[in-house]
Amino acid sequence: MNCPICGSGNVNVNTFQEDHGAVITSRTVSKYKEKGHGCLWWLLIGWWWWIVDLFTWIFLFIPRLILRLFASPFKKKKYKGKSSTVSNTVRNITYKTICTCQNCGHRWEK
């Protein structure tokens, strides 16, 4: 390699790494579902509760419908689940080769 100014072959070649910063991207994934009753509730109450609920819908349809329409919006629902955040970091790195002539001191990028 020769210097473009003086034509000397006495050239020093250096490679530098330049860091232009990092870009961080994150994404949140949430999985929630309405919490139901536990095993103990189903063993003691749940197996016969659906029969009571069915008979109240059949024999007391209008009062039950009114109760369901007005009581549902005020009832708090319980949810269970989890949320996780995944972050990715991407670094922007470039490499430059700089040549320096040892005779005249001229610098240039290759």
N, C-alpha and C. Protein backbone atom coordinates (compact mmCIF):
# COMPACT_ATOMS: atom_id res chain seq x y z
N MET A 1 0.86 -1.16 0.00
CA MET A 1 0.00 0.00 0.00
C MET A 1 0.91 1.23 0.00
N ASN A 2 0.55 2.21 -0.81
CA ASN A 2 1.35 3.42 -0.96
C ASN A 2 0.53 4.64 -0.55
N CYS A 3 1.22 5.66 -0.05
CA CYS A 3 0.58 6.93 0.33
C CYS A 3 0.16 7.68 -0.92
N PRO A 4 -1.07 8.20 -0.99
CA PRO A 4 -1.51 8.92 -2.18
C PRO A 4 -0.85 10.30 -2.33
N ILE A 5 -0.28 10.84 -1.26
CA ILE A 5 0.34 12.17 -1.32
C ILE A 5 1.81 12.06 -1.73
N CYS A 6 2.60 11.29 -0.97
CA CYS A 6 4.04 11.24 -1.23
C CYS A 6 4.47 9.99 -1.98
N GLY A 7 3.62 8.98 -2.06
CA GLY A 7 3.94 7.75 -2.77
C GLY A 7 4.80 6.78 -1.97
N SER A 8 5.00 7.02 -0.70
CA SER A 8 5.83 6.16 0.15
C SER A 8 5.11 4.87 0.47
N GLY A 9 5.88 3.82 0.66
CA GLY A 9 5.32 2.53 1.03
C GLY A 9 5.35 2.30 2.54
N ASN A 10 5.83 3.27 3.29
CA ASN A 10 5.93 3.17 4.74
C ASN A 10 4.58 3.62 5.35
N VAL A 11 3.60 2.74 5.34
CA VAL A 11 2.23 3.07 5.75
C VAL A 11 1.84 2.16 6.91
N ASN A 12 1.27 2.74 7.93
CA ASN A 12 0.76 2.00 9.09
C ASN A 12 -0.75 1.87 8.94
N VAL A 13 -1.28 0.65 9.08
CA VAL A 13 -2.72 0.40 8.91
C VAL A 13 -3.30 0.00 10.26
N ASN A 14 -4.35 0.72 10.72
CA ASN A 14 -5.03 0.44 11.99
C ASN A 14 -6.52 0.26 11.74
N THR A 15 -7.11 -0.68 12.47
CA THR A 15 -8.55 -0.90 12.40
C THR A 15 -9.16 -0.50 13.73
N PHE A 16 -10.22 0.33 13.67
CA PHE A 16 -10.89 0.83 14.85
C PHE A 16 -12.33 0.37 14.86
N GLN A 17 -12.83 0.16 16.06
CA GLN A 17 -14.22 -0.22 16.24
C GLN A 17 -14.97 0.99 16.79
N GLU A 18 -16.04 1.40 16.11
CA GLU A 18 -16.85 2.54 16.56
C GLU A 18 -18.21 2.03 17.02
N ASP A 19 -18.57 2.43 18.24
CA ASP A 19 -19.86 2.04 18.81
C ASP A 19 -20.80 3.24 18.69
N HIS A 20 -21.89 3.07 17.96
CA HIS A 20 -22.86 4.14 17.74
C HIS A 20 -24.03 4.06 18.70
N GLY A 21 -23.91 3.29 19.75
CA GLY A 21 -24.99 3.17 20.73
C GLY A 21 -25.78 1.89 20.54
N ALA A 22 -26.77 1.73 21.39
CA ALA A 22 -27.59 0.52 21.37
C ALA A 22 -29.06 0.88 21.24
N VAL A 23 -29.79 0.00 20.62
CA VAL A 23 -31.24 0.14 20.49
C VAL A 23 -31.88 -0.97 21.30
N ILE A 24 -32.73 -0.59 22.25
CA ILE A 24 -33.39 -1.57 23.11
C ILE A 24 -34.87 -1.65 22.71
N THR A 25 -35.30 -2.84 22.39
CA THR A 25 -36.71 -3.06 22.07
C THR A 25 -37.27 -4.04 23.11
N SER A 26 -38.46 -3.75 23.58
CA SER A 26 -39.09 -4.63 24.57
C SER A 26 -40.52 -4.94 24.14
N ARG A 27 -40.96 -6.13 24.53
CA ARG A 27 -42.28 -6.61 24.17
C ARG A 27 -42.87 -7.29 25.39
N THR A 28 -44.10 -6.96 25.72
CA THR A 28 -44.76 -7.54 26.88
C THR A 28 -45.84 -8.50 26.41
N VAL A 29 -45.80 -9.69 26.97
CA VAL A 29 -46.78 -10.73 26.66
C VAL A 29 -47.56 -11.02 27.94
N SER A 30 -48.88 -10.90 27.87
CA SER A 30 -49.73 -11.13 29.04
C SER A 30 -50.70 -12.28 28.74
N LYS A 31 -50.81 -13.17 29.70
CA LYS A 31 -51.77 -14.27 29.59
C LYS A 31 -52.59 -14.29 30.86
N TYR A 32 -53.85 -13.89 30.76
CA TYR A 32 -54.75 -13.87 31.91
C TYR A 32 -56.01 -14.62 31.56
N LYS A 33 -56.57 -15.30 32.54
CA LYS A 33 -57.88 -15.92 32.36
C LYS A 33 -58.67 -15.76 33.65
N GLU A 34 -59.97 -15.84 33.50
CA GLU A 34 -60.84 -15.65 34.66
C GLU A 34 -60.65 -16.81 35.63
N LYS A 35 -60.48 -16.47 36.88
CA LYS A 35 -60.23 -17.48 37.90
C LYS A 35 -61.53 -18.21 38.23
N GLY A 36 -61.47 -19.50 38.24
CA GLY A 36 -62.64 -20.31 38.56
C GLY A 36 -62.60 -20.77 40.01
N HIS A 37 -63.46 -21.71 40.34
CA HIS A 37 -63.50 -22.25 41.68
C HIS A 37 -62.47 -23.36 41.82
N GLY A 38 -62.07 -23.62 43.04
CA GLY A 38 -61.08 -24.65 43.32
C GLY A 38 -61.68 -26.04 43.39
N CYS A 39 -60.83 -27.01 43.59
CA CYS A 39 -61.25 -28.43 43.66
C CYS A 39 -62.17 -28.68 44.84
N LEU A 40 -61.88 -28.09 45.99
CA LEU A 40 -62.69 -28.30 47.18
C LEU A 40 -64.11 -27.78 46.98
N TRP A 41 -64.24 -26.62 46.32
CA TRP A 41 -65.57 -26.06 46.05
C TRP A 41 -66.37 -27.00 45.16
N TRP A 42 -65.71 -27.54 44.11
CA TRP A 42 -66.42 -28.45 43.20
C TRP A 42 -66.79 -29.76 43.89
N LEU A 43 -65.98 -30.24 44.82
CA LEU A 43 -66.31 -31.48 45.52
C LEU A 43 -67.47 -31.30 46.49
N LEU A 44 -67.52 -30.15 47.18
CA LEU A 44 -68.54 -29.95 48.20
C LEU A 44 -69.80 -29.29 47.65
N ILE A 45 -69.69 -28.33 46.76
CA ILE A 45 -70.84 -27.53 46.33
C ILE A 45 -71.12 -27.65 44.84
N GLY A 46 -70.07 -27.60 44.03
CA GLY A 46 -70.22 -27.49 42.59
C GLY A 46 -70.99 -28.58 41.90
N TRP A 47 -70.91 -29.81 42.38
CA TRP A 47 -71.57 -30.93 41.70
C TRP A 47 -73.08 -30.83 41.77
N TRP A 48 -73.64 -30.18 42.78
CA TRP A 48 -75.10 -30.02 42.84
C TRP A 48 -75.54 -28.59 42.56
N TRP A 49 -74.61 -27.63 42.55
CA TRP A 49 -74.98 -26.23 42.33
C TRP A 49 -75.53 -25.99 40.93
N TRP A 50 -75.02 -26.71 39.93
CA TRP A 50 -75.51 -26.51 38.57
C TRP A 50 -76.96 -26.95 38.44
N ILE A 51 -77.40 -27.94 39.24
CA ILE A 51 -78.80 -28.37 39.23
C ILE A 51 -79.69 -27.27 39.82
N VAL A 52 -79.27 -26.66 40.92
CA VAL A 52 -80.02 -25.56 41.54
C VAL A 52 -80.09 -24.38 40.57
N ASP A 53 -79.01 -24.09 39.91
CA ASP A 53 -78.96 -22.99 38.95
C ASP A 53 -79.91 -23.26 37.77
N LEU A 54 -79.96 -24.48 37.30
CA LEU A 54 -80.84 -24.84 36.19
C LEU A 54 -82.31 -24.68 36.59
N PHE A 55 -82.69 -25.15 37.79
CA PHE A 55 -84.07 -25.01 38.23
C PHE A 55 -84.47 -23.56 38.45
N THR A 56 -83.57 -22.74 38.94
CA THR A 56 -83.91 -21.31 39.11
C THR A 56 -84.11 -20.64 37.75
N TRP A 57 -83.34 -21.05 36.73
CA TRP A 57 -83.55 -20.49 35.40
C TRP A 57 -84.89 -20.96 34.81
N ILE A 58 -85.27 -22.17 35.09
CA ILE A 58 -86.53 -22.69 34.53
C ILE A 58 -87.74 -22.07 35.24
N PHE A 59 -87.76 -22.06 36.57
CA PHE A 59 -88.95 -21.65 37.32
C PHE A 59 -88.97 -20.15 37.65
N LEU A 60 -87.85 -19.54 37.80
CA LEU A 60 -87.79 -18.12 38.16
C LEU A 60 -87.03 -17.34 37.09
N PHE A 61 -87.42 -17.51 35.83
CA PHE A 61 -86.67 -16.94 34.71
C PHE A 61 -86.61 -15.42 34.76
N ILE A 62 -87.74 -14.75 34.90
CA ILE A 62 -87.77 -13.28 34.86
C ILE A 62 -87.00 -12.65 36.03
N PRO A 63 -87.24 -13.04 37.29
CA PRO A 63 -86.45 -12.43 38.37
C PRO A 63 -84.95 -12.74 38.24
N ARG A 64 -84.64 -13.95 37.81
CA ARG A 64 -83.23 -14.33 37.66
C ARG A 64 -82.57 -13.51 36.54
N LEU A 65 -83.29 -13.28 35.46
CA LEU A 65 -82.78 -12.48 34.35
C LEU A 65 -82.52 -11.04 34.79
N ILE A 66 -83.44 -10.47 35.55
CA ILE A 66 -83.26 -9.10 36.06
C ILE A 66 -82.05 -9.03 36.99
N LEU A 67 -81.89 -10.02 37.86
CA LEU A 67 -80.73 -10.04 38.76
C LEU A 67 -79.43 -10.16 37.98
N ARG A 68 -79.41 -11.00 36.97
CA ARG A 68 -78.19 -11.17 36.16
C ARG A 68 -77.84 -9.90 35.39
N LEU A 69 -78.85 -9.20 34.87
CA LEU A 69 -78.59 -7.99 34.09
C LEU A 69 -78.05 -6.86 34.95
N PHE A 70 -78.58 -6.70 36.15
CA PHE A 70 -78.18 -5.57 36.98
C PHE A 70 -77.04 -5.88 37.94
N ALA A 71 -76.85 -7.14 38.30
CA ALA A 71 -75.80 -7.48 39.26
C ALA A 71 -74.46 -7.77 38.58
N SER A 72 -74.46 -8.18 37.33
CA SER A 72 -73.23 -8.57 36.65
C SER A 72 -72.22 -7.44 36.50
N PRO A 73 -72.64 -6.23 36.10
CA PRO A 73 -71.62 -5.19 35.91
C PRO A 73 -70.92 -4.78 37.20
N PHE A 74 -71.54 -4.98 38.36
CA PHE A 74 -70.95 -4.54 39.62
C PHE A 74 -70.16 -5.65 40.31
N LYS A 75 -70.22 -6.84 39.79
CA LYS A 75 -69.51 -7.95 40.38
C LYS A 75 -68.06 -7.93 39.92
N LYS A 76 -67.12 -7.99 40.87
CA LYS A 76 -65.71 -8.00 40.52
C LYS A 76 -65.30 -9.41 40.12
N LYS A 77 -64.62 -9.50 39.00
CA LYS A 77 -64.14 -10.80 38.55
C LYS A 77 -62.69 -10.97 38.98
N LYS A 78 -62.34 -12.18 39.30
CA LYS A 78 -60.97 -12.48 39.70
C LYS A 78 -60.25 -13.10 38.51
N TYR A 79 -59.05 -12.63 38.29
CA TYR A 79 -58.24 -13.13 37.19
C TYR A 79 -56.93 -13.66 37.72
N LYS A 80 -56.42 -14.67 37.04
CA LYS A 80 -55.09 -15.17 37.37
C LYS A 80 -54.31 -15.29 36.07
N GLY A 81 -53.04 -15.15 36.19
CA GLY A 81 -52.19 -15.25 35.01
C GLY A 81 -50.85 -14.62 35.28
N LYS A 82 -50.14 -14.37 34.19
CA LYS A 82 -48.81 -13.79 34.33
C LYS A 82 -48.51 -12.91 33.12
N SER A 83 -47.56 -12.03 33.34
CA SER A 83 -47.13 -11.12 32.31
C SER A 83 -45.61 -11.16 32.28
N SER A 84 -45.05 -11.22 31.09
CA SER A 84 -43.60 -11.26 30.97
C SER A 84 -43.15 -10.28 29.91
N THR A 85 -42.00 -9.67 30.17
CA THR A 85 -41.43 -8.69 29.25
C THR A 85 -40.12 -9.24 28.70
N VAL A 86 -39.98 -9.19 27.39
CA VAL A 86 -38.77 -9.66 26.74
C VAL A 86 -38.09 -8.44 26.12
N SER A 87 -36.81 -8.23 26.48
CA SER A 87 -36.06 -7.09 25.95
C SER A 87 -34.93 -7.60 25.07
N ASN A 88 -34.73 -6.92 23.95
CA ASN A 88 -33.64 -7.22 23.04
C ASN A 88 -32.78 -5.97 22.89
N THR A 89 -31.48 -6.15 22.96
CA THR A 89 -30.56 -5.04 22.77
C THR A 89 -29.76 -5.29 21.50
N VAL A 90 -29.80 -4.32 20.59
CA VAL A 90 -29.05 -4.41 19.35
C VAL A 90 -28.03 -3.28 19.34
N ARG A 91 -26.75 -3.65 19.27
CA ARG A 91 -25.68 -2.66 19.26
C ARG A 91 -25.31 -2.34 17.83
N ASN A 92 -25.09 -1.06 17.56
CA ASN A 92 -24.71 -0.59 16.24
C ASN A 92 -23.20 -0.34 16.24
N ILE A 93 -22.44 -1.30 15.73
CA ILE A 93 -20.98 -1.24 15.73
C ILE A 93 -20.49 -1.24 14.29
N THR A 94 -19.56 -0.30 13.98
CA THR A 94 -18.94 -0.27 12.66
C THR A 94 -17.42 -0.34 12.84
N TYR A 95 -16.76 -0.84 11.83
CA TYR A 95 -15.32 -0.96 11.84
C TYR A 95 -14.75 -0.05 10.76
N LYS A 96 -13.69 0.69 11.10
CA LYS A 96 -13.03 1.58 10.14
C LYS A 96 -11.55 1.25 10.09
N THR A 97 -11.00 1.28 8.89
CA THR A 97 -9.58 1.08 8.70
C THR A 97 -8.97 2.42 8.32
N ILE A 98 -8.00 2.87 9.13
CA ILE A 98 -7.36 4.15 8.88
C ILE A 98 -5.88 3.89 8.59
N CYS A 99 -5.42 4.45 7.48
CA CYS A 99 -4.03 4.30 7.08
C CYS A 99 -3.29 5.60 7.39
N THR A 100 -2.08 5.48 7.90
CA THR A 100 -1.26 6.65 8.24
C THR A 100 0.11 6.49 7.59
N CYS A 101 0.49 7.48 6.84
CA CYS A 101 1.82 7.47 6.22
C CYS A 101 2.85 7.87 7.28
N GLN A 102 3.92 7.07 7.41
CA GLN A 102 4.94 7.33 8.42
C GLN A 102 5.93 8.41 7.98
N ASN A 103 5.95 8.73 6.70
CA ASN A 103 6.88 9.75 6.20
C ASN A 103 6.27 11.14 6.26
N CYS A 104 5.06 11.33 5.67
CA CYS A 104 4.48 12.68 5.60
C CYS A 104 3.38 12.92 6.63
N GLY A 105 2.86 11.87 7.29
CA GLY A 105 1.83 12.03 8.32
C GLY A 105 0.42 12.14 7.77
N HIS A 106 0.24 11.88 6.48
CA HIS A 106 -1.10 11.94 5.88
C HIS A 106 -1.93 10.75 6.36
N ARG A 107 -3.22 11.03 6.67
CA ARG A 107 -4.15 9.98 7.11
C ARG A 107 -5.29 9.86 6.12
N TRP A 108 -5.73 8.67 5.86
CA TRP A 108 -6.90 8.45 5.01
C TRP A 108 -7.60 7.16 5.43
N GLU A 109 -8.86 7.09 5.04
CA GLU A 109 -9.70 5.95 5.39
C GLU A 109 -9.71 4.99 4.21
N LYS A 110 -9.56 3.74 4.50
CA LYS A 110 -9.58 2.73 3.43
C LYS A 110 -10.98 2.21 3.23
